[in-house]
Structures are given as structure tokens and as C-alpha cells.
């Protein structure tokens, strides 16, 4: 950190950008997993409702 902690040096900026990219990838993976689970639960509930009517 430079300028009393308000500026990030080049070396640290590269590391922070890499970490940000990692976090964004993890977030995207988690969102995809969440969507898949939500879809599975929704489909399962629909099938259960159909089975209970039949």
C-alpha cells in the first residue's frame, strides 16, 4: 500500500486482481449450483404434485 493506504502498488494490484478473478469464478460456480438445485427441487415438487393427483 502506498499514499497512506489509499493506493495499491503494482505487485499487490496483480495479486488482488488474481484473487478477484478467483472469487468471481467461485461465485459463478455457486450460482450455477444454486440454480441447478432450485430447478431440481421445483421439478421434483411438480412431479410429486402430479403423482398425488393421479
N, C-alpha and C. Protein backbone atom coordinates (compact mmCIF):
# COMPACT_ATOMS: atom_id res chain seq x y z
N UNK A 1 0.85 -1.18 0.00
CA UNK A 1 0.00 0.00 0.00
C UNK A 1 0.89 1.24 0.00
N UNK A 2 0.44 2.22 -0.68
CA UNK A 2 1.18 3.47 -0.77
C UNK A 2 0.24 4.64 -0.46
N UNK A 3 0.79 5.81 -0.33
CA UNK A 3 0.00 7.02 -0.09
C UNK A 3 -0.97 6.85 1.07
N UNK A 4 -0.42 6.44 2.21
CA UNK A 4 -1.22 6.26 3.43
C UNK A 4 -2.34 5.24 3.25
N UNK A 5 -2.09 4.22 2.46
CA UNK A 5 -3.05 3.13 2.33
C UNK A 5 -4.15 3.37 1.31
N UNK A 6 -4.02 4.41 0.49
CA UNK A 6 -5.07 4.69 -0.49
C UNK A 6 -4.73 4.21 -1.89
N UNK A 7 -3.48 3.80 -2.11
CA UNK A 7 -3.04 3.34 -3.42
C UNK A 7 -2.38 1.98 -3.28
N UNK A 8 -2.70 1.09 -4.20
CA UNK A 8 -2.13 -0.24 -4.19
C UNK A 8 -0.97 -0.28 -5.18
N UNK A 9 0.17 -0.82 -4.75
CA UNK A 9 1.31 -0.95 -5.63
C UNK A 9 1.06 -1.96 -6.74
N UNK A 10 1.84 -1.90 -7.80
CA UNK A 10 1.66 -2.76 -8.96
C UNK A 10 1.67 -4.24 -8.60
N UNK A 11 2.63 -4.65 -7.77
CA UNK A 11 2.75 -6.06 -7.39
C UNK A 11 1.50 -6.52 -6.64
N UNK A 12 1.05 -5.72 -5.70
CA UNK A 12 -0.14 -6.08 -4.93
C UNK A 12 -1.38 -6.01 -5.80
N UNK A 13 -1.44 -5.06 -6.71
CA UNK A 13 -2.60 -4.94 -7.60
C UNK A 13 -2.76 -6.21 -8.44
N UNK A 14 -1.66 -6.75 -8.93
CA UNK A 14 -1.72 -8.00 -9.70
C UNK A 14 -2.27 -9.13 -8.86
N UNK A 15 -1.82 -9.24 -7.62
CA UNK A 15 -2.31 -10.30 -6.72
C UNK A 15 -3.77 -10.11 -6.40
N UNK A 16 -4.17 -8.87 -6.18
CA UNK A 16 -5.58 -8.59 -5.87
C UNK A 16 -6.48 -8.88 -7.07
N UNK A 17 -6.02 -8.54 -8.27
CA UNK A 17 -6.79 -8.86 -9.48
C UNK A 17 -6.95 -10.37 -9.65
N UNK A 18 -5.87 -11.11 -9.40
CA UNK A 18 -5.94 -12.57 -9.48
C UNK A 18 -6.95 -13.12 -8.48
N UNK A 19 -6.92 -12.60 -7.28
CA UNK A 19 -7.84 -13.07 -6.23
C UNK A 19 -9.28 -12.72 -6.59
N UNK A 20 -9.48 -11.53 -7.15
CA UNK A 20 -10.81 -11.13 -7.57
C UNK A 20 -11.34 -12.05 -8.66
N UNK A 21 -10.48 -12.41 -9.59
CA UNK A 21 -10.88 -13.35 -10.64
C UNK A 21 -11.26 -14.70 -10.05
N UNK A 22 -10.49 -15.18 -9.09
CA UNK A 22 -10.81 -16.44 -8.41
C UNK A 22 -12.18 -16.36 -7.73
N UNK A 23 -12.42 -15.27 -7.03
CA UNK A 23 -13.70 -15.10 -6.33
C UNK A 23 -14.87 -15.04 -7.30
N UNK A 24 -14.68 -14.33 -8.41
CA UNK A 24 -15.74 -14.24 -9.41
C UNK A 24 -16.05 -15.61 -10.01
N UNK A 25 -15.02 -16.42 -10.22
CA UNK A 25 -15.23 -17.77 -10.73
C UNK A 25 -15.99 -18.61 -9.71
N UNK A 26 -15.60 -18.52 -8.45
CA UNK A 26 -16.29 -19.27 -7.40
C UNK A 26 -17.75 -18.83 -7.29
N UNK A 27 -17.99 -17.53 -7.37
CA UNK A 27 -19.37 -17.03 -7.30
C UNK A 27 -20.21 -17.55 -8.46
N UNK A 28 -19.64 -17.56 -9.66
CA UNK A 28 -20.35 -18.07 -10.82
C UNK A 28 -20.66 -19.56 -10.66
N UNK A 29 -19.69 -20.31 -10.15
CA UNK A 29 -19.91 -21.74 -9.91
C UNK A 29 -21.00 -21.97 -8.87
N UNK A 30 -20.98 -21.18 -7.81
CA UNK A 30 -22.00 -21.31 -6.77
C UNK A 30 -23.38 -20.93 -7.30
N UNK A 31 -23.46 -19.91 -8.10
CA UNK A 31 -24.74 -19.51 -8.68
C UNK A 31 -25.29 -20.61 -9.59
N UNK A 32 -24.43 -21.23 -10.37
CA UNK A 32 -24.86 -22.32 -11.25
C UNK A 32 -25.35 -23.51 -10.42
N UNK A 33 -24.65 -23.82 -9.35
CA UNK A 33 -25.07 -24.91 -8.47
C UNK A 33 -26.40 -24.59 -7.81
N UNK A 34 -26.55 -23.35 -7.33
CA UNK A 34 -27.81 -22.93 -6.73
C UNK A 34 -28.96 -23.06 -7.72
N UNK A 35 -28.75 -22.61 -8.95
CA UNK A 35 -29.80 -22.69 -9.96
C UNK A 35 -30.17 -24.13 -10.29
N UNK A 36 -29.17 -24.99 -10.36
CA UNK A 36 -29.44 -26.40 -10.64
C UNK A 36 -30.23 -27.05 -9.50
N UNK A 37 -29.85 -26.75 -8.28
CA UNK A 37 -30.58 -27.30 -7.13
C UNK A 37 -32.00 -26.78 -7.06
N UNK A 38 -32.18 -25.50 -7.31
CA UNK A 38 -33.52 -24.91 -7.30
C UNK A 38 -34.39 -25.54 -8.37
N UNK A 39 -33.83 -25.76 -9.54
CA UNK A 39 -34.56 -26.39 -10.63
C UNK A 39 -34.93 -27.83 -10.28
N UNK A 40 -34.00 -28.55 -9.69
CA UNK A 40 -34.26 -29.93 -9.29
C UNK A 40 -35.40 -29.99 -8.27
N UNK A 41 -35.36 -29.10 -7.30
CA UNK A 41 -36.41 -29.09 -6.28
C UNK A 41 -37.76 -28.69 -6.88
N UNK A 42 -37.76 -27.74 -7.77
CA UNK A 42 -39.01 -27.32 -8.42
C UNK A 42 -39.59 -28.46 -9.25
N UNK A 43 -38.75 -29.11 -10.04
CA UNK A 43 -39.21 -30.23 -10.86
C UNK A 43 -39.71 -31.37 -9.99
N UNK A 44 -39.01 -31.64 -8.91
CA UNK A 44 -39.40 -32.71 -8.00
C UNK A 44 -40.76 -32.41 -7.37
N UNK A 45 -40.98 -31.17 -6.97
CA UNK A 45 -42.26 -30.78 -6.37
C UNK A 45 -43.39 -30.90 -7.39
N UNK A 46 -43.13 -30.54 -8.63
CA UNK A 46 -44.15 -30.67 -9.69
C UNK A 46 -44.53 -32.14 -9.90
N UNK A 47 -43.52 -32.98 -9.96
CA UNK A 47 -43.78 -34.42 -10.16
C UNK A 47 -44.54 -35.00 -8.97
N UNK A 48 -44.18 -34.59 -7.79
CA UNK A 48 -44.87 -35.08 -6.59
C UNK A 48 -46.34 -34.63 -6.61
N UNK A 49 -46.58 -33.41 -7.03
CA UNK A 49 -47.95 -32.91 -7.11
C UNK A 49 -48.75 -33.68 -8.15
N UNK A 50 -48.14 -33.98 -9.28
CA UNK A 50 -48.81 -34.76 -10.32
C UNK A 50 -49.12 -36.17 -9.83
N UNK A 51 -48.17 -36.77 -9.11
CA UNK A 51 -48.36 -38.12 -8.60
C UNK A 51 -49.49 -38.16 -7.58
N UNK A 52 -49.63 -37.11 -6.78
CA UNK A 52 -50.66 -37.11 -5.75
C UNK A 52 -52.06 -36.91 -6.36
N UNK A 53 -52.13 -36.31 -7.54
CA UNK A 53 -53.41 -36.11 -8.23
C UNK A 53 -53.84 -37.39 -8.94
N UNK A 54 -52.89 -38.10 -9.45
CA UNK A 54 -53.20 -39.30 -10.24
C UNK A 54 -53.63 -40.46 -9.42
